Amino acid sequence: MKCFMCKGHIVDELTTFMVDMGNCIVIVKNVPSQVCGQCGEPSYSNDVAKRLESIVNAMSAEVTEIAVLNYSDKVA
């Protein structure tokens, strides 16, 4: 598989996903990803992207400024 940004080689890695929701920052560690060995651009499978969306939505509803959790934690 090739990177859609630079056409580099893709490798499977665990990465950290971060999003600023305005009212809170959500950090998800140990996310299964496909990462370009050349430019470092991460990409996610459809299942992982859906789970990340569920996690972010659940955490943004909480009364907190920063949420840090592991991908494998049962949140959503």
PDB file of N, CA and C in Angstrom:
ATOM      1  N   MET A   1       0.845  -1.181   0.000  1.00  0.00           N
ATOM      2  CA  MET A   1       0.000   0.000   0.000  1.00  0.00           C
ATOM      3  C   MET A   1       0.891   1.246   0.000  1.00  0.00           C
ATOM      4  N   LYS A   2       0.453   2.276  -0.703  1.00  0.00           N
ATOM      5  CA  LYS A   2       1.221   3.514  -0.828  1.00  0.00           C
ATOM      6  C   LYS A   2       0.496   4.677  -0.161  1.00  0.00           C
ATOM      7  N   CYS A   3       1.255   5.621   0.348  1.00  0.00           N
ATOM      8  CA  CYS A   3       0.719   6.833   0.978  1.00  0.00           C
ATOM      9  C   CYS A   3       0.005   7.681  -0.077  1.00  0.00           C
ATOM     10  N   PHE A   4      -1.175   8.181   0.275  1.00  0.00           N
ATOM     11  CA  PHE A   4      -1.912   9.013  -0.673  1.00  0.00           C
ATOM     12  C   PHE A   4      -1.314  10.414  -0.793  1.00  0.00           C
ATOM     13  N   MET A   5      -0.460  10.806   0.165  1.00  0.00           N
ATOM     14  CA  MET A   5       0.156  12.137   0.123  1.00  0.00           C
ATOM     15  C   MET A   5       1.441  12.150  -0.719  1.00  0.00           C
ATOM     16  N   CYS A   6       2.356  11.186  -0.416  1.00  0.00           N
ATOM     17  CA  CYS A   6       3.670  11.235  -1.057  1.00  0.00           C
ATOM     18  C   CYS A   6       4.045   9.950  -1.791  1.00  0.00           C
ATOM     19  N   LYS A   7       3.166   8.946  -1.738  1.00  0.00           N
ATOM     20  CA  LYS A   7       3.383   7.646  -2.382  1.00  0.00           C
ATOM     21  C   LYS A   7       4.460   6.804  -1.688  1.00  0.00           C
ATOM     22  N   GLY A   8       4.797   7.155  -0.414  1.00  0.00           N
ATOM     23  CA  GLY A   8       5.747   6.368   0.362  1.00  0.00           C
ATOM     24  C   GLY A   8       5.130   5.058   0.823  1.00  0.00           C
ATOM     25  N   HIS A   9       5.953   4.199   1.428  1.00  0.00           N
ATOM     26  CA  HIS A   9       5.520   2.889   1.915  1.00  0.00           C
ATOM     27  C   HIS A   9       4.756   3.037   3.231  1.00  0.00           C
ATOM     28  N   ILE A  10       3.647   2.319   3.382  1.00  0.00           N
ATOM     29  CA  ILE A  10       2.792   2.368   4.581  1.00  0.00           C
ATOM     30  C   ILE A  10       3.139   1.205   5.508  1.00  0.00           C
ATOM     31  N   VAL A  11       3.221   1.511   6.814  1.00  0.00           N
ATOM     32  CA  VAL A  11       3.452   0.480   7.821  1.00  0.00           C
ATOM     33  C   VAL A  11       2.392   0.591   8.915  1.00  0.00           C
ATOM     34  N   ASP A  12       2.048  -0.536   9.534  1.00  0.00           N
ATOM     35  CA  ASP A  12       1.096  -0.543  10.645  1.00  0.00           C
ATOM     36  C   ASP A  12       1.814  -0.112  11.921  1.00  0.00           C
ATOM     37  N   GLU A  13       1.210   0.843  12.639  1.00  0.00           N
ATOM     38  CA  GLU A  13       1.776   1.350  13.895  1.00  0.00           C
ATOM     39  C   GLU A  13       0.644   1.768  14.816  1.00  0.00           C
ATOM     40  N   LEU A  14       0.967   1.891  16.108  1.00  0.00           N
ATOM     41  CA  LEU A  14       0.055   2.505  17.063  1.00  0.00           C
ATOM     42  C   LEU A  14       0.453   3.964  17.180  1.00  0.00           C
ATOM     43  N   THR A  15      -0.513   4.866  17.021  1.00  0.00           N
ATOM     44  CA  THR A  15      -0.235   6.295  17.063  1.00  0.00           C
ATOM     45  C   THR A  15      -1.112   6.971  18.110  1.00  0.00           C
ATOM     46  N   THR A  16      -0.913   8.266  18.261  1.00  0.00           N
ATOM     47  CA  THR A  16      -1.739   9.086  19.145  1.00  0.00           C
ATOM     48  C   THR A  16      -2.570  10.024  18.278  1.00  0.00           C
ATOM     49  N   PHE A  17      -3.877  10.040  18.529  1.00  0.00           N
ATOM     50  CA  PHE A  17      -4.818  10.890  17.793  1.00  0.00           C
ATOM     51  C   PHE A  17      -5.226  12.028  18.715  1.00  0.00           C
ATOM     52  N   MET A  18      -5.204  13.261  18.227  1.00  0.00           N
ATOM     53  CA  MET A  18      -5.596  14.408  19.035  1.00  0.00           C
ATOM     54  C   MET A  18      -6.538  15.300  18.242  1.00  0.00           C
ATOM     55  N   VAL A  19      -7.577  15.803  18.921  1.00  0.00           N
ATOM     56  CA  VAL A  19      -8.497  16.738  18.282  1.00  0.00           C
ATOM     57  C   VAL A  19      -8.897  17.806  19.301  1.00  0.00           C
ATOM     58  N   ASP A  20      -8.944  19.063  18.844  1.00  0.00           N
ATOM     59  CA  ASP A  20      -9.383  20.189  19.667  1.00  0.00           C
ATOM     60  C   ASP A  20     -10.830  20.477  19.308  1.00  0.00           C
ATOM     61  N   MET A  21     -11.739  20.200  20.244  1.00  0.00           N
ATOM     62  CA  MET A  21     -13.169  20.378  20.011  1.00  0.00           C
ATOM     63  C   MET A  21     -13.655  21.778  20.385  1.00  0.00           C
ATOM     64  N   GLY A  22     -12.751  22.665  20.714  1.00  0.00           N
ATOM     65  CA  GLY A  22     -13.138  24.010  21.127  1.00  0.00           C
ATOM     66  C   GLY A  22     -13.332  24.083  22.627  1.00  0.00           C
ATOM     67  N   ASN A  23     -14.250  23.244  23.147  1.00  0.00           N
ATOM     68  CA  ASN A  23     -14.496  23.231  24.590  1.00  0.00           C
ATOM     69  C   ASN A  23     -13.629  22.211  25.314  1.00  0.00           C
ATOM     70  N   CYS A  24     -13.009  21.290  24.578  1.00  0.00           N
ATOM     71  CA  CYS A  24     -12.110  20.317  25.191  1.00  0.00           C
ATOM     72  C   CYS A  24     -11.165  19.746  24.147  1.00  0.00           C
ATOM     73  N   ILE A  25     -10.040  19.224  24.639  1.00  0.00           N
ATOM     74  CA  ILE A  25      -9.069  18.546  23.784  1.00  0.00           C
ATOM     75  C   ILE A  25      -9.144  17.068  24.127  1.00  0.00           C
ATOM     76  N   VAL A  26      -9.300  16.227  23.098  1.00  0.00           N
ATOM     77  CA  VAL A  26      -9.368  14.783  23.295  1.00  0.00           C
ATOM     78  C   VAL A  26      -8.110  14.166  22.694  1.00  0.00           C
ATOM     79  N   ILE A  27      -7.406  13.381  23.521  1.00  0.00           N
ATOM     80  CA  ILE A  27      -6.200  12.677  23.083  1.00  0.00           C
ATOM     81  C   ILE A  27      -6.458  11.188  23.256  1.00  0.00           C
ATOM     82  N   VAL A  28      -6.298  10.442  22.172  1.00  0.00           N
ATOM     83  CA  VAL A  28      -6.500   8.992  22.209  1.00  0.00           C
ATOM     84  C   VAL A  28      -5.165   8.339  21.865  1.00  0.00           C
ATOM     85  N   LYS A  29      -4.629   7.558  22.809  1.00  0.00           N
ATOM     86  CA  LYS A  29      -3.336   6.907  22.632  1.00  0.00           C
ATOM     87  C   LYS A  29      -3.508   5.480  22.111  1.00  0.00           C
ATOM     88  N   ASN A  30      -2.477   4.964  21.496  1.00  0.00           N
ATOM     89  CA  ASN A  30      -2.416   3.577  21.019  1.00  0.00           C
ATOM     90  C   ASN A  30      -3.489   3.242  19.987  1.00  0.00           C
ATOM     91  N   VAL A  31      -3.669   4.133  19.030  1.00  0.00           N
ATOM     92  CA  VAL A  31      -4.657   3.946  17.969  1.00  0.00           C
ATOM     93  C   VAL A  31      -4.033   3.139  16.824  1.00  0.00           C
ATOM     94  N   PRO A  32      -4.672   2.029  16.414  1.00  0.00           N
ATOM     95  CA  PRO A  32      -4.160   1.263  15.268  1.00  0.00           C
ATOM     96  C   PRO A  32      -4.228   2.123  14.001  1.00  0.00           C
ATOM     97  N   SER A  33      -3.090   2.311  13.355  1.00  0.00           N
ATOM     98  CA  SER A  33      -3.001   3.216  12.205  1.00  0.00           C
ATOM     99  C   SER A  33      -2.106   2.627  11.133  1.00  0.00           C
ATOM    100  N   GLN A  34      -2.220   3.212   9.958  1.00  0.00           N
ATOM    101  CA  GLN A  34      -1.291   2.941   8.881  1.00  0.00           C
ATOM    102  C   GLN A  34      -0.522   4.242   8.674  1.00  0.00           C
ATOM    103  N   VAL A  35       0.799   4.197   8.837  1.00  0.00           N
ATOM    104  CA  VAL A  35       1.619   5.405   8.823  1.00  0.00           C
ATOM    105  C   VAL A  35       2.639   5.324   7.693  1.00  0.00           C
ATOM    106  N   CYS A  36       2.795   6.427   6.995  1.00  0.00           N
ATOM    107  CA  CYS A  36       3.778   6.501   5.910  1.00  0.00           C
ATOM    108  C   CYS A  36       5.178   6.573   6.513  1.00  0.00           C
ATOM    109  N   GLY A  37       6.057   5.675   6.062  1.00  0.00           N
ATOM    110  CA  GLY A  37       7.435   5.671   6.523  1.00  0.00           C
ATOM    111  C   GLY A  37       8.242   6.835   5.999  1.00  0.00           C
ATOM    112  N   GLN A  38       7.744   7.507   4.960  1.00  0.00           N
ATOM    113  CA  GLN A  38       8.472   8.617   4.353  1.00  0.00           C
ATOM    114  C   GLN A  38       8.046   9.965   4.946  1.00  0.00           C
ATOM    115  N   CYS A  39       6.749  10.264   4.945  1.00  0.00           N
ATOM    116  CA  CYS A  39       6.290  11.581   5.403  1.00  0.00           C
ATOM    117  C   CYS A  39       5.623  11.550   6.781  1.00  0.00           C
ATOM    118  N   GLY A  40       5.308  10.343   7.288  1.00  0.00           N
ATOM    119  CA  GLY A  40       4.718  10.226   8.615  1.00  0.00           C
ATOM    120  C   GLY A  40       3.214  10.429   8.677  1.00  0.00           C
ATOM    121  N   GLU A  41       2.572  10.601   7.544  1.00  0.00           N
ATOM    122  CA  GLU A  41       1.120  10.833   7.506  1.00  0.00           C
ATOM    123  C   GLU A  41       0.371   9.578   7.978  1.00  0.00           C
ATOM    124  N   PRO A  42      -0.470   9.712   9.041  1.00  0.00           N
ATOM    125  CA  PRO A  42      -1.253   8.558   9.485  1.00  0.00           C
ATOM    126  C   PRO A  42      -2.570   8.453   8.723  1.00  0.00           C
ATOM    127  N   SER A  43      -3.072   7.238   8.603  1.00  0.00           N
ATOM    128  CA  SER A  43      -4.420   7.024   8.082  1.00  0.00           C
ATOM    129  C   SER A  43      -5.047   5.916   8.912  1.00  0.00           C
ATOM    130  N   TYR A  44      -6.380   5.833   8.859  1.00  0.00           N
ATOM    131  CA  TYR A  44      -7.131   4.917   9.710  1.00  0.00           C
ATOM    132  C   TYR A  44      -8.118   4.119   8.873  1.00  0.00           C
ATOM    133  N   SER A  45      -8.365   2.884   9.287  1.00  0.00           N
ATOM    134  CA  SER A  45      -9.388   2.076   8.626  1.00  0.00           C
ATOM    135  C   SER A  45     -10.755   2.691   8.936  1.00  0.00           C
ATOM    136  N   ASN A  46     -11.774   2.289   8.204  1.00  0.00           N
ATOM    137  CA  ASN A  46     -13.124   2.804   8.460  1.00  0.00           C
ATOM    138  C   ASN A  46     -13.588   2.474   9.871  1.00  0.00           C
ATOM    139  N   ASP A  47     -13.310   1.252  10.343  1.00  0.00           N
ATOM    140  CA  ASP A  47     -13.719   0.856  11.693  1.00  0.00           C
ATOM    141  C   ASP A  47     -13.042   1.706  12.755  1.00  0.00           C
ATOM    142  N   VAL A  48     -11.750   1.954  12.591  1.00  0.00           N
ATOM    143  CA  VAL A  48     -11.011   2.779  13.560  1.00  0.00           C
ATOM    144  C   VAL A  48     -11.528   4.211  13.522  1.00  0.00           C
ATOM    145  N   ALA A  49     -11.779   4.755  12.337  1.00  0.00           N
ATOM    146  CA  ALA A  49     -12.290   6.123  12.217  1.00  0.00           C
ATOM    147  C   ALA A  49     -13.657   6.261  12.903  1.00  0.00           C
ATOM    148  N   LYS A  50     -14.517   5.266  12.738  1.00  0.00           N
ATOM    149  CA  LYS A  50     -15.835   5.306  13.389  1.00  0.00           C
ATOM    150  C   LYS A  50     -15.688   5.257  14.898  1.00  0.00           C
ATOM    151  N   ARG A  51     -14.777   4.418  15.392  1.00  0.00           N
ATOM    152  CA  ARG A  51     -14.560   4.320  16.844  1.00  0.00           C
ATOM    153  C   ARG A  51     -13.975   5.623  17.381  1.00  0.00           C
ATOM    154  N   LEU A  52     -13.041   6.221  16.666  1.00  0.00           N
ATOM    155  CA  LEU A  52     -12.489   7.509  17.089  1.00  0.00           C
ATOM    156  C   LEU A  52     -13.584   8.570  17.169  1.00  0.00           C
ATOM    157  N   GLU A  53     -14.466   8.575  16.185  1.00  0.00           N
ATOM    158  CA  GLU A  53     -15.579   9.528  16.191  1.00  0.00           C
ATOM    159  C   GLU A  53     -16.464   9.318  17.422  1.00  0.00           C
ATOM    160  N   SER A  54     -16.758   8.074  17.755  1.00  0.00           N
ATOM    161  CA  SER A  54     -17.574   7.769  18.940  1.00  0.00           C
ATOM    162  C   SER A  54     -16.879   8.220  20.221  1.00  0.00           C
ATOM    163  N   ILE A  55     -15.578   7.949  20.306  1.00  0.00           N
ATOM    164  CA  ILE A  55     -14.813   8.352  21.490  1.00  0.00           C
ATOM    165  C   ILE A  55     -14.816   9.864  21.641  1.00  0.00           C
ATOM    166  N   VAL A  56     -14.540  10.576  20.557  1.00  0.00           N
ATOM    167  CA  VAL A  56     -14.489  12.040  20.596  1.00  0.00           C
ATOM    168  C   VAL A  56     -15.851  12.610  20.974  1.00  0.00           C
ATOM    169  N   ASN A  57     -16.916  12.096  20.398  1.00  0.00           N
ATOM    170  CA  ASN A  57     -18.260  12.585  20.730  1.00  0.00           C
ATOM    171  C   ASN A  57     -18.591  12.347  22.199  1.00  0.00           C
ATOM    172  N   ALA A  58     -18.239  11.172  22.729  1.00  0.00           N
ATOM    173  CA  ALA A  58     -18.510  10.868  24.136  1.00  0.00           C
ATOM    174  C   ALA A  58     -17.711  11.777  25.062  1.00  0.00           C
ATOM    175  N   MET A  59     -16.455  12.011  24.739  1.00  0.00           N
ATOM    176  CA  MET A  59     -15.600  12.832  25.601  1.00  0.00           C
ATOM    177  C   MET A  59     -15.940  14.314  25.513  1.00  0.00           C
ATOM    178  N   SER A  60     -16.378  14.782  24.360  1.00  0.00           N
ATOM    179  CA  SER A  60     -16.717  16.207  24.232  1.00  0.00           C
ATOM    180  C   SER A  60     -17.978  16.548  25.012  1.00  0.00           C
ATOM    181  N   ALA A  61     -18.790  15.541  25.317  1.00  0.00           N
ATOM    182  CA  ALA A  61     -19.996  15.765  26.117  1.00  0.00           C
ATOM    183  C   ALA A  61     -19.685  15.825  27.615  1.00  0.00           C
ATOM    184  N   GLU A  62     -18.503  15.368  28.013  1.00  0.00           N
ATOM    185  CA  GLU A  62     -18.099  15.394  29.413  1.00  0.00           C
ATOM    186  C   GLU A  62     -17.705  16.811  29.811  1.00  0.00           C
ATOM    187  N   VAL A  63     -17.734  17.079  31.099  1.00  0.00           N
ATOM    188  CA  VAL A  63     -17.332  18.385  31.610  1.00  0.00           C
ATOM    189  C   VAL A  63     -15.847  18.297  31.962  1.00  0.00           C
ATOM    190  N   THR A  64     -15.015  18.437  30.956  1.00  0.00           N
ATOM    191  CA  THR A  64     -13.571  18.391  31.154  1.00  0.00           C
ATOM    192  C   THR A  64     -12.903  19.201  30.054  1.00  0.00           C
ATOM    193  N   GLU A  65     -11.701  19.690  30.335  1.00  0.00           N
ATOM    194  CA  GLU A  65     -10.983  20.446  29.318  1.00  0.00           C
ATOM    195  C   GLU A  65     -10.074  19.551  28.486  1.00  0.00           C
ATOM    196  N   ILE A  66      -9.498  18.530  29.144  1.00  0.00           N
ATOM    197  CA  ILE A  66      -8.609  17.612  28.439  1.00  0.00           C
ATOM    198  C   ILE A  66      -8.973  16.186  28.831  1.00  0.00           C
ATOM    199  N   ALA A  67      -9.136  15.331  27.840  1.00  0.00           N
ATOM    200  CA  ALA A  67      -9.394  13.910  28.076  1.00  0.00           C
ATOM    201  C   ALA A  67      -8.299  13.120  27.380  1.00  0.00           C
ATOM    202  N   VAL A  68      -7.626  12.250  28.142  1.00  0.00           N
ATOM    203  CA  VAL A  68      -6.585  11.392  27.587  1.00  0.00           C
ATOM    204  C   VAL A  68      -6.972   9.957  27.903  1.00  0.00           C
ATOM    205  N   LEU A  69      -7.073   9.118  26.884  1.00  0.00           N
ATOM    206  CA  LEU A  69      -7.444   7.732  27.108  1.00  0.00           C
ATOM    207  C   LEU A  69      -6.806   6.838  26.068  1.00  0.00           C
ATOM    208  N   ASN A  70      -6.818   5.539  26.352  1.00  0.00           N
ATOM    209  CA  ASN A  70      -6.313   4.541  25.420  1.00  0.00           C
ATOM    210  C   ASN A  70      -7.422   4.136  24.469  1.00  0.00           C
ATOM    211  N   TYR A  71      -7.063   3.849  23.245  1.00  0.00           N
ATOM    212  CA  TYR A  71      -8.010   3.428  22.228  1.00  0.00           C
ATOM    213  C   TYR A  71      -8.791   2.206  22.684  1.00  0.00           C
ATOM    214  N   SER A  72      -8.153   1.295  23.386  1.00  0.00           N
ATOM    215  CA  SER A  72      -8.795   0.050  23.791  1.00  0.00           C
ATOM    216  C   SER A  72      -9.742   0.206  24.977  1.00  0.00           C
ATOM    217  N   ASP A  73      -9.738   1.371  25.649  1.00  0.00           N
ATOM    218  CA  ASP A  73     -10.664   1.606  26.765  1.00  0.00           C
ATOM    219  C   ASP A  73     -12.109   1.598  26.269  1.00  0.00           C
ATOM    220  N   LYS A  74     -13.009   1.072  27.079  1.00  0.00           N
ATOM    221  CA  LYS A  74     -14.431   1.030  26.736  1.00  0.00           C
ATOM    222  C   LYS A  74     -15.057   2.384  27.091  1.00  0.00           C
ATOM    223  N   VAL A  75     -15.176   3.256  26.078  1.00  0.00           N
ATOM    224  CA  VAL A  75     -15.740   4.588  26.303  1.00  0.00           C
ATOM    225  C   VAL A  75     -17.072   4.729  25.594  1.00  0.00           C
ATOM    226  N   ALA A  76     -17.104   4.367  24.334  1.00  0.00           N
ATOM    227  CA  ALA A  76     -18.317   4.586  23.550  1.00  0.00           C
ATOM    228  C   ALA A  76     -18.855   3.269  23.039  1.00  0.00           C
TER     229      ALA A  76
END
